[in-house]
Amino acid sequence: MDKPRRSLGRRIILRVVLWLIILFVMLRWFEYRQVFQPSRAFDATAQDLGRPAEDVYFETEDGVKLNAWFFPAAPGAPRADWVWLLCHGNAGNISHRLRHASVLLDTGAAVLLFDYRGYGRSRGRPTEAGTYLDARAAHAWLCRRGYDPERIMVLGESLGGAVGAELALREPVGGLALVAAFTSVPDLGAELFPWLPVRRLGTIVYRTEEKLAEVRVPVMVIHGPGDSLVPFRHAERNYAAVRGPKQLWTIPGDHNDFLEVDVSRYGEGLRRFMELLESPPPR
């Protein structure tokens, strides 16, 4: 009787272990799919914007080839030597950011849209550490292009807020603007999925708030009180974390439609941010 019982006990243990492994894999897959939602298909071309554009490629420190679109500033624009570096959100690719690029170009500066690894025509597979390297590669390309790092304005949209904050910590930039950015993935995940042990089991963190406490360039936090995906309290906490020059700018609309609801309000915030960057530092 002892041998059959031991055999039964081993089978039960193996089944439990197997189910735990399956559960772990499912949680990792679920976490990854919630954070990264890349699209390889392009819905537009850079030329669809009706402005001069360049389709460019560059490599990251770990050898991943990335794709980007560069839009020069309009000839004679007073801010032609400034450039926006857009770190986009977790879904789609650069072809879905043409409207955003148009608004940024209206400020008189140039614009660089780049895709993280695994997005659009960029090689590889997205990871948190990888997206940080991708932003640094985009920044390096702008420096090689001849832009003064102090005139590179990083704009992080949603997940890109954490990417932009990391970039502002690691590389010299002129300023950092956050649009609908969360404080961290664990914070947001715990709010969206309160029945899951997000804080204990999550491996993707993107801690925007913590990074902002160490950023020393001017920061503008742009967020909508009506954002149903990333509640406005994330903006308040991010803003409170900034220790240097900062601005808080509210916009109407939900997380993904602020450009359609009131683009003029958003554009005014961008212009005020640039005025902050152009003003002489306090003595």
Protein backbone atom coordinates (compact mmCIF):
# COMPACT_ATOMS: atom_id res chain seq x y z
CA MET A 1 0.00 0.00 0.00
CA ASP A 2 2.89 2.41 0.73
CA LYS A 3 4.24 2.30 -2.83
CA PRO A 4 0.89 3.15 -4.53
CA ARG A 5 0.36 5.95 -2.02
CA ARG A 6 3.79 7.40 -2.70
CA SER A 7 3.17 7.15 -6.43
CA LEU A 8 -0.19 8.91 -6.03
CA GLY A 9 1.43 11.60 -3.90
CA ARG A 10 4.11 12.24 -6.54
CA ARG A 11 1.47 12.52 -9.27
CA ILE A 12 -0.49 15.05 -7.20
CA ILE A 13 2.65 17.09 -6.56
CA LEU A 14 3.59 17.01 -10.27
CA ARG A 15 0.11 18.17 -11.24
CA VAL A 16 0.22 21.01 -8.74
CA VAL A 17 3.65 22.07 -9.99
CA LEU A 18 2.46 21.84 -13.59
CA TRP A 19 -0.58 24.01 -12.87
CA LEU A 20 1.58 26.55 -11.05
CA ILE A 21 3.90 26.73 -14.06
CA ILE A 22 0.94 27.17 -16.41
CA LEU A 23 -0.49 29.89 -14.16
CA PHE A 24 2.85 31.67 -14.03
CA VAL A 25 3.24 31.56 -17.82
CA MET A 26 -0.32 32.83 -18.29
CA LEU A 27 0.30 35.72 -15.88
CA ARG A 28 3.54 36.66 -17.67
CA TRP A 29 1.74 36.52 -21.03
CA PHE A 30 -1.18 38.59 -19.71
CA GLU A 31 1.16 41.20 -18.21
CA TYR A 32 3.16 41.48 -21.42
CA ARG A 33 0.08 41.80 -23.63
CA GLN A 34 -1.39 44.50 -21.40
CA VAL A 35 1.76 46.61 -21.43
CA PHE A 36 2.94 46.14 -25.01
CA GLN A 37 0.46 46.25 -27.89
CA PRO A 38 2.62 46.83 -30.98
CA SER A 39 1.37 46.88 -34.54
CA ARG A 40 3.52 46.03 -37.55
CA ALA A 41 0.99 47.36 -40.08
CA PHE A 42 1.31 50.97 -41.19
CA ASP A 43 -1.88 52.99 -41.67
CA ALA A 44 -0.12 55.97 -43.25
CA THR A 45 3.18 57.20 -44.66
CA ALA A 46 5.26 60.10 -43.45
CA GLN A 47 4.42 61.96 -46.66
CA ASP A 48 0.71 61.88 -45.78
CA LEU A 49 1.39 64.76 -43.40
CA GLY A 50 2.14 67.02 -46.35
CA ARG A 51 5.46 68.17 -44.88
CA PRO A 52 9.07 67.31 -45.79
CA ALA A 53 9.92 64.03 -44.09
CA GLU A 54 12.73 61.50 -43.87
CA ASP A 55 12.40 57.77 -43.26
CA VAL A 56 15.46 56.91 -41.16
CA TYR A 57 17.00 53.91 -39.43
CA PHE A 58 19.50 53.70 -36.59
CA GLU A 59 20.80 51.08 -34.16
CA THR A 60 20.61 50.79 -30.40
CA GLU A 61 23.52 50.02 -28.09
CA ASP A 62 22.55 46.34 -28.15
CA GLY A 63 22.39 46.20 -31.96
CA VAL A 64 18.64 46.46 -32.64
CA LYS A 65 17.70 48.34 -35.82
CA LEU A 66 14.96 50.94 -35.30
CA ASN A 67 12.80 52.91 -37.71
CA ALA A 68 11.86 56.57 -37.33
CA TRP A 69 10.33 59.48 -39.22
CA PHE A 70 12.02 62.87 -39.04
CA PHE A 71 10.13 66.06 -39.87
CA PRO A 72 12.33 69.18 -40.16
CA ALA A 73 11.01 72.48 -38.89
CA ALA A 74 9.49 74.83 -41.44
CA PRO A 75 12.09 76.97 -43.22
CA GLY A 76 12.62 80.22 -41.35
CA ALA A 77 10.73 79.03 -38.25
CA PRO A 78 11.98 80.87 -35.15
CA ARG A 79 12.43 77.55 -33.32
CA ALA A 80 13.98 75.62 -36.19
CA ASP A 81 16.93 74.62 -34.00
CA TRP A 82 14.59 72.96 -31.46
CA VAL A 83 13.26 69.42 -31.87
CA TRP A 84 10.58 67.29 -30.23
CA LEU A 85 11.52 63.67 -29.51
CA LEU A 86 8.22 61.79 -29.18
CA CYS A 87 8.22 58.62 -27.06
CA HIS A 88 4.81 57.21 -27.98
CA GLY A 89 2.40 55.05 -26.01
CA ASN A 90 2.13 51.29 -25.77
CA ALA A 91 -0.06 50.61 -28.83
CA GLY A 92 0.24 50.97 -32.59
CA ASN A 93 3.31 52.54 -34.21
CA ILE A 94 4.56 55.84 -35.61
CA SER A 95 2.05 55.79 -38.47
CA HIS A 96 -0.69 56.39 -35.87
CA ARG A 97 1.02 59.56 -34.58
CA LEU A 98 0.82 61.85 -37.61
CA ARG A 99 -1.80 64.09 -36.01
CA HIS A 100 0.40 64.41 -32.96
CA ALA A 101 3.39 65.23 -35.14
CA SER A 102 1.38 67.93 -36.89
CA VAL A 103 0.55 69.65 -33.59
CA LEU A 104 4.19 69.50 -32.51
CA LEU A 105 5.36 70.93 -35.84
CA ASP A 106 2.95 73.83 -35.37
CA THR A 107 5.13 74.99 -32.47
CA GLY A 108 7.88 75.77 -35.01
CA ALA A 109 10.23 72.97 -33.96
CA ALA A 110 11.28 69.78 -35.75
CA VAL A 111 9.88 66.38 -34.77
CA LEU A 112 11.33 62.87 -34.54
CA LEU A 113 8.89 59.96 -34.25
CA PHE A 114 10.55 56.63 -33.56
CA ASP A 115 9.23 53.13 -33.01
CA TYR A 116 10.36 50.99 -30.11
CA ARG A 117 11.75 47.57 -30.90
CA GLY A 118 8.98 45.26 -32.09
CA TYR A 119 6.79 48.17 -33.25
CA GLY A 120 6.24 49.03 -36.90
CA ARG A 121 9.39 48.38 -38.93
CA SER A 122 11.71 48.30 -35.94
CA ARG A 123 13.33 44.94 -35.30
CA GLY A 124 13.25 42.94 -32.10
CA ARG A 125 10.74 42.41 -29.33
CA PRO A 126 9.67 45.12 -26.86
CA THR A 127 10.86 45.01 -23.26
CA GLU A 128 11.07 47.66 -20.58
CA ALA A 129 14.87 47.79 -20.66
CA GLY A 130 14.77 47.70 -24.46
CA THR A 131 12.51 50.74 -24.77
CA TYR A 132 14.93 52.72 -22.61
CA LEU A 133 17.76 51.82 -25.00
CA ASP A 134 15.56 52.70 -27.97
CA ALA A 135 14.94 56.24 -26.68
CA ARG A 136 18.66 56.72 -26.07
CA ALA A 137 19.36 55.64 -29.66
CA ALA A 138 16.83 58.18 -30.97
CA HIS A 139 18.45 60.87 -28.82
CA ALA A 140 21.89 59.94 -30.15
CA TRP A 141 20.61 60.20 -33.74
CA LEU A 142 19.39 63.75 -33.09
CA CYS A 143 22.76 64.69 -31.59
CA ARG A 144 24.54 63.30 -34.66
CA ARG A 145 22.13 65.33 -36.75
CA GLY A 146 23.55 68.43 -35.09
CA TYR A 147 20.92 69.32 -32.48
CA ASP A 148 22.11 70.85 -29.24
CA PRO A 149 21.00 68.42 -26.48
CA GLU A 150 19.63 71.39 -24.54
CA ARG A 151 17.20 72.01 -27.41
CA ILE A 152 15.90 68.46 -27.52
CA MET A 153 12.44 68.40 -25.95
CA VAL A 154 11.36 64.92 -24.87
CA LEU A 155 7.63 64.26 -24.97
CA GLY A 156 6.41 61.04 -23.39
CA GLU A 157 2.88 59.90 -24.19
CA SER A 158 1.29 57.46 -21.72
CA LEU A 159 3.81 54.60 -21.37
CA GLY A 160 6.25 56.87 -23.18
CA GLY A 161 6.20 59.10 -20.12
CA ALA A 162 8.27 56.57 -18.21
CA VAL A 163 10.55 56.09 -21.23
CA GLY A 164 11.00 59.85 -21.53
CA ALA A 165 11.69 60.24 -17.80
CA GLU A 166 14.39 57.59 -17.99
CA LEU A 167 15.93 59.34 -20.99
CA ALA A 168 15.94 62.68 -19.17
CA LEU A 169 17.85 60.98 -16.34
CA ARG A 170 20.46 59.38 -18.59
CA GLU A 171 21.06 61.94 -21.35
CA PRO A 172 21.22 65.75 -21.54
CA VAL A 173 17.93 67.22 -22.79
CA GLY A 174 16.24 70.61 -22.70
CA GLY A 175 13.00 69.57 -21.05
CA LEU A 176 10.48 66.79 -20.50
CA ALA A 177 6.75 66.87 -21.21
CA LEU A 178 4.49 64.05 -20.00
CA VAL A 179 1.11 63.48 -21.64
CA ALA A 180 -1.39 61.20 -19.85
CA ALA A 181 1.45 59.38 -18.09
CA PHE A 182 0.96 56.93 -15.21
CA THR A 183 3.00 56.85 -12.00
CA SER A 184 4.03 53.21 -12.55
CA VAL A 185 2.75 50.02 -14.14
CA PRO A 186 2.14 48.36 -10.74
CA ASP A 187 0.10 51.37 -9.60
CA LEU A 188 -2.03 51.39 -12.74
CA GLY A 189 -2.28 47.61 -12.93
CA ALA A 190 -3.54 47.38 -9.35
CA GLU A 191 -6.27 49.89 -10.21
CA LEU A 192 -7.31 48.19 -13.44
CA PHE A 193 -7.08 44.61 -12.15
CA PRO A 194 -7.64 44.76 -8.37
CA TRP A 195 -8.31 41.00 -8.22
CA LEU A 196 -4.79 40.16 -9.42
CA PRO A 197 -1.62 40.25 -7.26
CA VAL A 198 -0.08 42.82 -9.60
CA ARG A 199 2.33 44.36 -7.11
CA ARG A 200 3.71 41.01 -5.95
CA LEU A 201 4.02 39.22 -9.29
CA GLY A 202 4.54 42.00 -11.85
CA THR A 203 7.93 42.23 -13.57
CA ILE A 204 7.34 45.28 -15.81
CA VAL A 205 7.39 48.40 -13.66
CA TYR A 206 8.05 51.65 -15.61
CA ARG A 207 8.28 53.75 -12.43
CA THR A 208 7.66 57.24 -13.83
CA GLU A 209 7.06 58.93 -10.47
CA GLU A 210 10.31 57.69 -8.97
CA LYS A 211 12.32 58.84 -11.99
CA LEU A 212 10.74 62.29 -11.95
CA ALA A 213 12.08 62.88 -8.45
CA GLU A 214 15.59 62.77 -9.92
CA VAL A 215 14.96 64.70 -13.16
CA ARG A 216 16.54 68.15 -13.07
CA VAL A 217 15.26 69.69 -16.32
CA PRO A 218 11.96 71.60 -16.60
CA VAL A 219 8.93 69.31 -16.68
CA MET A 220 5.38 69.86 -17.89
CA VAL A 221 2.69 67.38 -16.85
CA ILE A 222 -0.23 67.38 -19.31
CA HIS A 223 -3.26 65.34 -18.33
CA GLY A 224 -7.03 65.28 -18.61
CA PRO A 225 -9.25 65.19 -15.50
CA GLY A 226 -11.59 63.04 -17.60
CA ASP A 227 -8.97 60.39 -18.41
CA SER A 228 -10.74 57.08 -17.72
CA LEU A 229 -7.69 54.87 -18.28
CA VAL A 230 -5.02 56.75 -16.33
CA PRO A 231 -6.84 58.74 -13.61
CA PHE A 232 -5.83 62.34 -12.98
CA ARG A 233 -4.35 61.42 -9.58
CA HIS A 234 -1.41 59.93 -11.49
CA ALA A 235 -0.72 63.38 -12.96
CA GLU A 236 -0.95 64.98 -9.52
CA ARG A 237 1.53 62.52 -8.04
CA ASN A 238 3.90 62.86 -10.99
CA TYR A 239 3.75 66.64 -10.74
CA ALA A 240 4.38 66.56 -6.99
CA ALA A 241 7.45 64.37 -7.54
CA VAL A 242 9.20 66.94 -9.74
CA ARG A 243 11.66 69.06 -7.76
CA GLY A 244 12.76 71.47 -10.48
CA PRO A 245 10.85 73.94 -12.67
CA LYS A 246 7.47 72.49 -13.54
CA GLN A 247 4.03 73.17 -14.95
CA LEU A 248 0.72 71.31 -14.76
CA TRP A 249 -1.59 71.71 -17.76
CA THR A 250 -5.07 70.20 -17.96
CA ILE A 251 -6.70 69.16 -21.22
CA PRO A 252 -10.23 67.93 -21.98
CA GLY A 253 -11.02 64.49 -23.36
CA ASP A 254 -10.23 60.91 -22.56
CA HIS A 255 -6.90 59.09 -22.66
CA ASN A 256 -6.75 58.61 -26.42
CA ASP A 257 -8.90 61.41 -27.86
CA PHE A 258 -7.43 64.64 -26.47
CA LEU A 259 -6.23 65.66 -29.95
CA GLU A 260 -9.76 65.37 -31.31
CA VAL A 261 -11.57 67.03 -28.41
CA ASP A 262 -9.59 70.28 -28.13
CA VAL A 263 -6.31 70.36 -30.01
CA SER A 264 -5.92 74.11 -29.48
CA ARG A 265 -5.84 73.66 -25.69
CA TYR A 266 -3.13 71.01 -26.06
CA GLY A 267 -1.14 73.16 -28.46
CA GLU A 268 -1.30 76.11 -26.07
CA GLY A 269 0.18 73.94 -23.34
CA LEU A 270 3.07 72.95 -25.61
CA ARG A 271 3.78 76.59 -26.45
CA ARG A 272 3.78 77.56 -22.77
CA PHE A 273 6.20 74.74 -22.07
CA MET A 274 8.56 76.00 -24.77
CA GLU A 275 8.37 79.50 -23.32
CA LEU A 276 9.43 78.03 -19.98
CA LEU A 277 12.41 76.36 -21.66
CA GLU A 278 13.38 79.56 -23.47
CA SER A 279 13.20 81.74 -20.37
CA PRO A 280 16.51 82.44 -18.60
CA PRO A 281 17.13 80.28 -15.53
CA PRO A 282 16.58 81.97 -12.14
CA ARG A 283 19.66 83.35 -10.45
